[in-house]
Amino acid sequence: MQSSAGTIGLRSSDSLTAASMLTCKVVAAEATIDLRHRVLRPHQERDDCYYPGDSDPQAIHLAAFANTSIVAVCTAYPEILADQDFLAPFRLRGMAVAPTHQKNGVGRLILNDLEARIWSSGGDFLWFNARTSAHGFYQKLGYEVTGDAFEIEPIGMHYVMFKRLVLSAGDQIQPSLLA
């Protein structure tokens, strides 16, 4: 439920209907690396797909499973975005959906699950560097662009995007999502 630009009411039932044959689970950072490498950084070494925050004790690593296969991954960990004054900001890294599962709700499923987990752990803000080719996807989910596009070598052009995480009146985080 959208309440204003950059703000969303977290309602886990939205993600549960998006891709009902999938399940999202917390996984070890290592479980995210293969898909990160294959989708996001195939031109780099596999070891380049580890991020500095992967070992943070507050890091959340999620994988969406179709049966026993990982079809999407994402990671978030506490990190401040310059010029923002939120109490508990998290940074999204390594959001990747297998090409065979793109454009059918899997990205929304895993991102909604991640937002609910961040909120339930006390986080109030999620930000990331989004490829310009993916910014439309994130905008549909309530994220805003801040600043101009910039290049990350050798990956390409990006925007900084963000969302303030809040619960709107009447919304609930369902415990089944947080299992």
Protein backbone atom coordinates (compact mmCIF):
# COMPACT_ATOMS: atom_id res chain seq x y z
CA MET A 1 0.00 0.00 0.00
CA GLN A 2 1.62 3.22 -1.20
CA SER A 3 1.15 6.21 1.06
CA SER A 4 3.50 8.75 -0.57
CA ALA A 5 6.58 8.80 -2.78
CA GLY A 6 9.42 6.98 -1.11
CA THR A 7 7.18 5.59 1.61
CA ILE A 8 5.43 2.25 1.61
CA GLY A 9 3.19 0.37 3.96
CA LEU A 10 4.71 -3.09 4.33
CA ARG A 11 2.11 -5.73 3.76
CA SER A 12 3.52 -9.21 3.37
CA SER A 13 0.39 -10.58 1.72
CA ASP A 14 1.39 -8.63 -1.42
CA SER A 15 4.58 -10.65 -1.75
CA LEU A 16 2.94 -13.97 -0.97
CA THR A 17 0.58 -13.68 -3.94
CA ALA A 18 3.21 -12.46 -6.40
CA ALA A 19 4.93 -15.79 -6.89
CA SER A 20 3.02 -18.35 -4.85
CA MET A 21 5.17 -21.30 -5.90
CA LEU A 22 8.29 -19.74 -4.38
CA THR A 23 9.56 -19.46 -0.83
CA CYS A 24 11.97 -16.91 0.59
CA LYS A 25 14.44 -18.00 3.24
CA VAL A 26 17.32 -16.49 5.14
CA VAL A 27 20.55 -18.04 3.89
CA ALA A 28 24.27 -17.71 4.51
CA ALA A 29 26.07 -15.08 2.44
CA GLU A 30 27.87 -17.83 0.53
CA ALA A 31 24.54 -19.08 -0.87
CA THR A 32 24.03 -15.75 -2.70
CA ILE A 33 27.37 -15.62 -4.49
CA ASP A 34 26.74 -17.87 -7.50
CA LEU A 35 23.62 -16.00 -8.62
CA ARG A 36 25.23 -12.61 -7.90
CA HIS A 37 28.11 -13.66 -10.12
CA ARG A 38 26.01 -15.15 -12.91
CA VAL A 39 23.51 -12.26 -13.14
CA LEU A 40 25.26 -9.13 -11.90
CA ARG A 41 28.97 -9.56 -12.51
CA PRO A 42 29.68 -12.30 -15.06
CA HIS A 43 32.61 -10.26 -16.43
CA GLN A 44 34.35 -10.27 -13.04
CA GLU A 45 35.84 -12.95 -10.84
CA ARG A 46 33.50 -14.82 -8.50
CA ASP A 47 35.44 -13.44 -5.52
CA ASP A 48 34.45 -9.92 -6.64
CA CYS A 49 30.86 -10.79 -5.71
CA TYR A 50 31.53 -10.69 -1.97
CA TYR A 51 30.57 -7.36 -0.41
CA PRO A 52 32.12 -5.67 2.64
CA GLY A 53 28.88 -5.95 4.65
CA ASP A 54 28.30 -9.64 3.96
CA SER A 55 29.86 -10.59 7.28
CA ASP A 56 28.06 -7.91 9.32
CA PRO A 57 26.16 -9.67 12.14
CA GLN A 58 23.06 -7.63 11.22
CA ALA A 59 23.25 -8.54 7.52
CA ILE A 60 20.19 -10.19 6.03
CA HIS A 61 20.82 -12.59 3.15
CA LEU A 62 17.71 -13.88 1.40
CA ALA A 63 17.13 -16.40 -1.34
CA ALA A 64 13.93 -17.20 -3.21
CA PHE A 65 13.61 -20.89 -3.94
CA ALA A 66 11.67 -22.68 -6.67
CA ASN A 67 11.69 -26.18 -5.19
CA THR A 68 15.36 -26.55 -4.22
CA SER A 69 16.83 -24.10 -6.77
CA ILE A 70 17.78 -20.56 -5.82
CA VAL A 71 16.14 -18.22 -8.35
CA ALA A 72 16.67 -14.83 -6.63
CA VAL A 73 18.93 -13.38 -3.96
CA CYS A 74 19.45 -10.12 -2.13
CA THR A 75 21.42 -8.85 0.83
CA ALA A 76 21.02 -5.85 3.12
CA TYR A 77 23.15 -4.62 5.97
CA PRO A 78 23.37 -1.45 8.07
CA GLU A 79 25.09 1.37 6.19
CA ILE A 80 24.52 5.11 6.28
CA LEU A 81 23.72 7.06 3.11
CA ALA A 82 25.41 10.47 3.16
CA ASP A 83 23.13 13.43 3.92
CA GLN A 84 20.33 11.26 5.33
CA ASP A 85 19.31 11.36 8.97
CA PHE A 86 17.50 8.06 9.46
CA LEU A 87 18.17 6.16 12.67
CA ALA A 88 18.65 2.71 11.18
CA PRO A 89 19.46 2.77 7.46
CA PHE A 90 20.20 -0.43 5.54
CA ARG A 91 21.88 -0.81 2.17
CA LEU A 92 20.63 -3.30 -0.42
CA ARG A 93 23.33 -5.18 -2.33
CA GLY A 94 23.41 -8.05 -4.78
CA MET A 95 19.74 -8.06 -5.83
CA ALA A 96 19.70 -10.70 -8.56
CA VAL A 97 16.93 -12.74 -10.21
CA ALA A 98 17.74 -15.64 -12.53
CA PRO A 99 16.92 -14.68 -16.14
CA THR A 100 14.41 -17.55 -16.34
CA HIS A 101 12.42 -16.02 -13.44
CA GLN A 102 12.57 -12.30 -14.29
CA LYS A 103 9.44 -10.23 -14.94
CA ASN A 104 7.06 -12.53 -13.06
CA GLY A 105 7.00 -11.15 -9.51
CA VAL A 106 10.06 -12.86 -8.06
CA GLY A 107 12.00 -9.62 -7.58
CA ARG A 108 9.02 -8.01 -5.86
CA LEU A 109 8.56 -11.10 -3.67
CA ILE A 110 12.11 -11.14 -2.35
CA LEU A 111 12.32 -7.35 -1.96
CA ASN A 112 9.03 -7.17 -0.04
CA ASP A 113 10.27 -9.96 2.23
CA LEU A 114 13.54 -8.10 2.78
CA GLU A 115 11.73 -4.84 3.61
CA ALA A 116 9.58 -6.64 6.21
CA ARG A 117 12.65 -8.22 7.80
CA ILE A 118 14.51 -4.90 7.91
CA TRP A 119 11.49 -3.19 9.48
CA SER A 120 11.03 -5.94 12.07
CA SER A 121 14.71 -5.65 13.03
CA GLY A 122 14.37 -1.90 13.63
CA GLY A 123 15.49 -0.59 10.23
CA ASP A 124 13.71 2.48 8.87
CA PHE A 125 15.37 3.23 5.52
CA LEU A 126 16.66 1.16 2.58
CA TRP A 127 18.98 2.53 -0.09
CA PHE A 128 21.15 1.18 -2.89
CA ASN A 129 22.87 1.88 -6.18
CA ALA A 130 20.45 0.73 -8.91
CA ARG A 131 21.45 0.12 -12.48
CA THR A 132 19.70 2.66 -14.67
CA SER A 133 18.13 -0.23 -16.59
CA ALA A 134 16.41 -1.43 -13.37
CA HIS A 135 15.32 1.87 -11.86
CA GLY A 136 11.77 1.56 -13.30
CA PHE A 137 11.28 -1.71 -11.41
CA TYR A 138 12.28 -0.07 -8.14
CA GLN A 139 10.17 3.04 -8.78
CA LYS A 140 7.08 0.83 -9.16
CA LEU A 141 7.83 -0.46 -5.65
CA GLY A 142 7.99 3.03 -4.16
CA TYR A 143 11.71 3.80 -4.37
CA GLU A 144 12.91 7.27 -5.29
CA VAL A 145 15.97 8.40 -7.23
CA THR A 146 18.22 10.92 -5.55
CA GLY A 147 20.85 12.77 -7.56
CA ASP A 148 22.10 12.24 -11.08
CA ALA A 149 23.12 9.01 -12.78
CA PHE A 150 26.74 8.00 -12.26
CA GLU A 151 28.99 5.26 -13.55
CA ILE A 152 30.39 2.34 -11.58
CA GLU A 153 33.26 0.85 -13.58
CA PRO A 154 33.07 -1.71 -15.13
CA ILE A 155 29.38 -2.33 -14.43
CA GLY A 156 27.68 0.73 -15.92
CA MET A 157 25.38 3.62 -15.10
CA HIS A 158 23.53 3.75 -11.77
CA TYR A 159 21.22 5.89 -9.64
CA VAL A 160 21.14 6.07 -5.87
CA MET A 161 17.62 5.00 -4.86
CA PHE A 162 15.93 4.88 -1.48
CA LYS A 163 12.73 4.24 0.42
CA ARG A 164 11.64 5.15 3.92
CA LEU A 165 10.18 2.02 5.51
CA VAL A 166 7.02 2.56 7.54
CA LEU A 167 3.89 0.68 8.45
CA SER A 168 0.69 2.42 7.43
CA ALA A 169 -2.37 2.30 9.68
CA GLY A 170 -3.95 -1.13 9.47
CA ASP A 171 -0.97 -2.86 7.84
CA GLN A 172 0.64 -5.81 9.52
CA ILE A 173 3.78 -7.84 8.99
CA GLN A 174 2.60 -11.42 8.93
CA PRO A 175 4.63 -13.82 11.08
CA SER A 176 4.66 -16.47 8.34
CA LEU A 177 6.80 -14.16 6.23
CA LEU A 178 9.36 -13.85 8.99
CA ALA A 179 9.75 -17.56 9.70
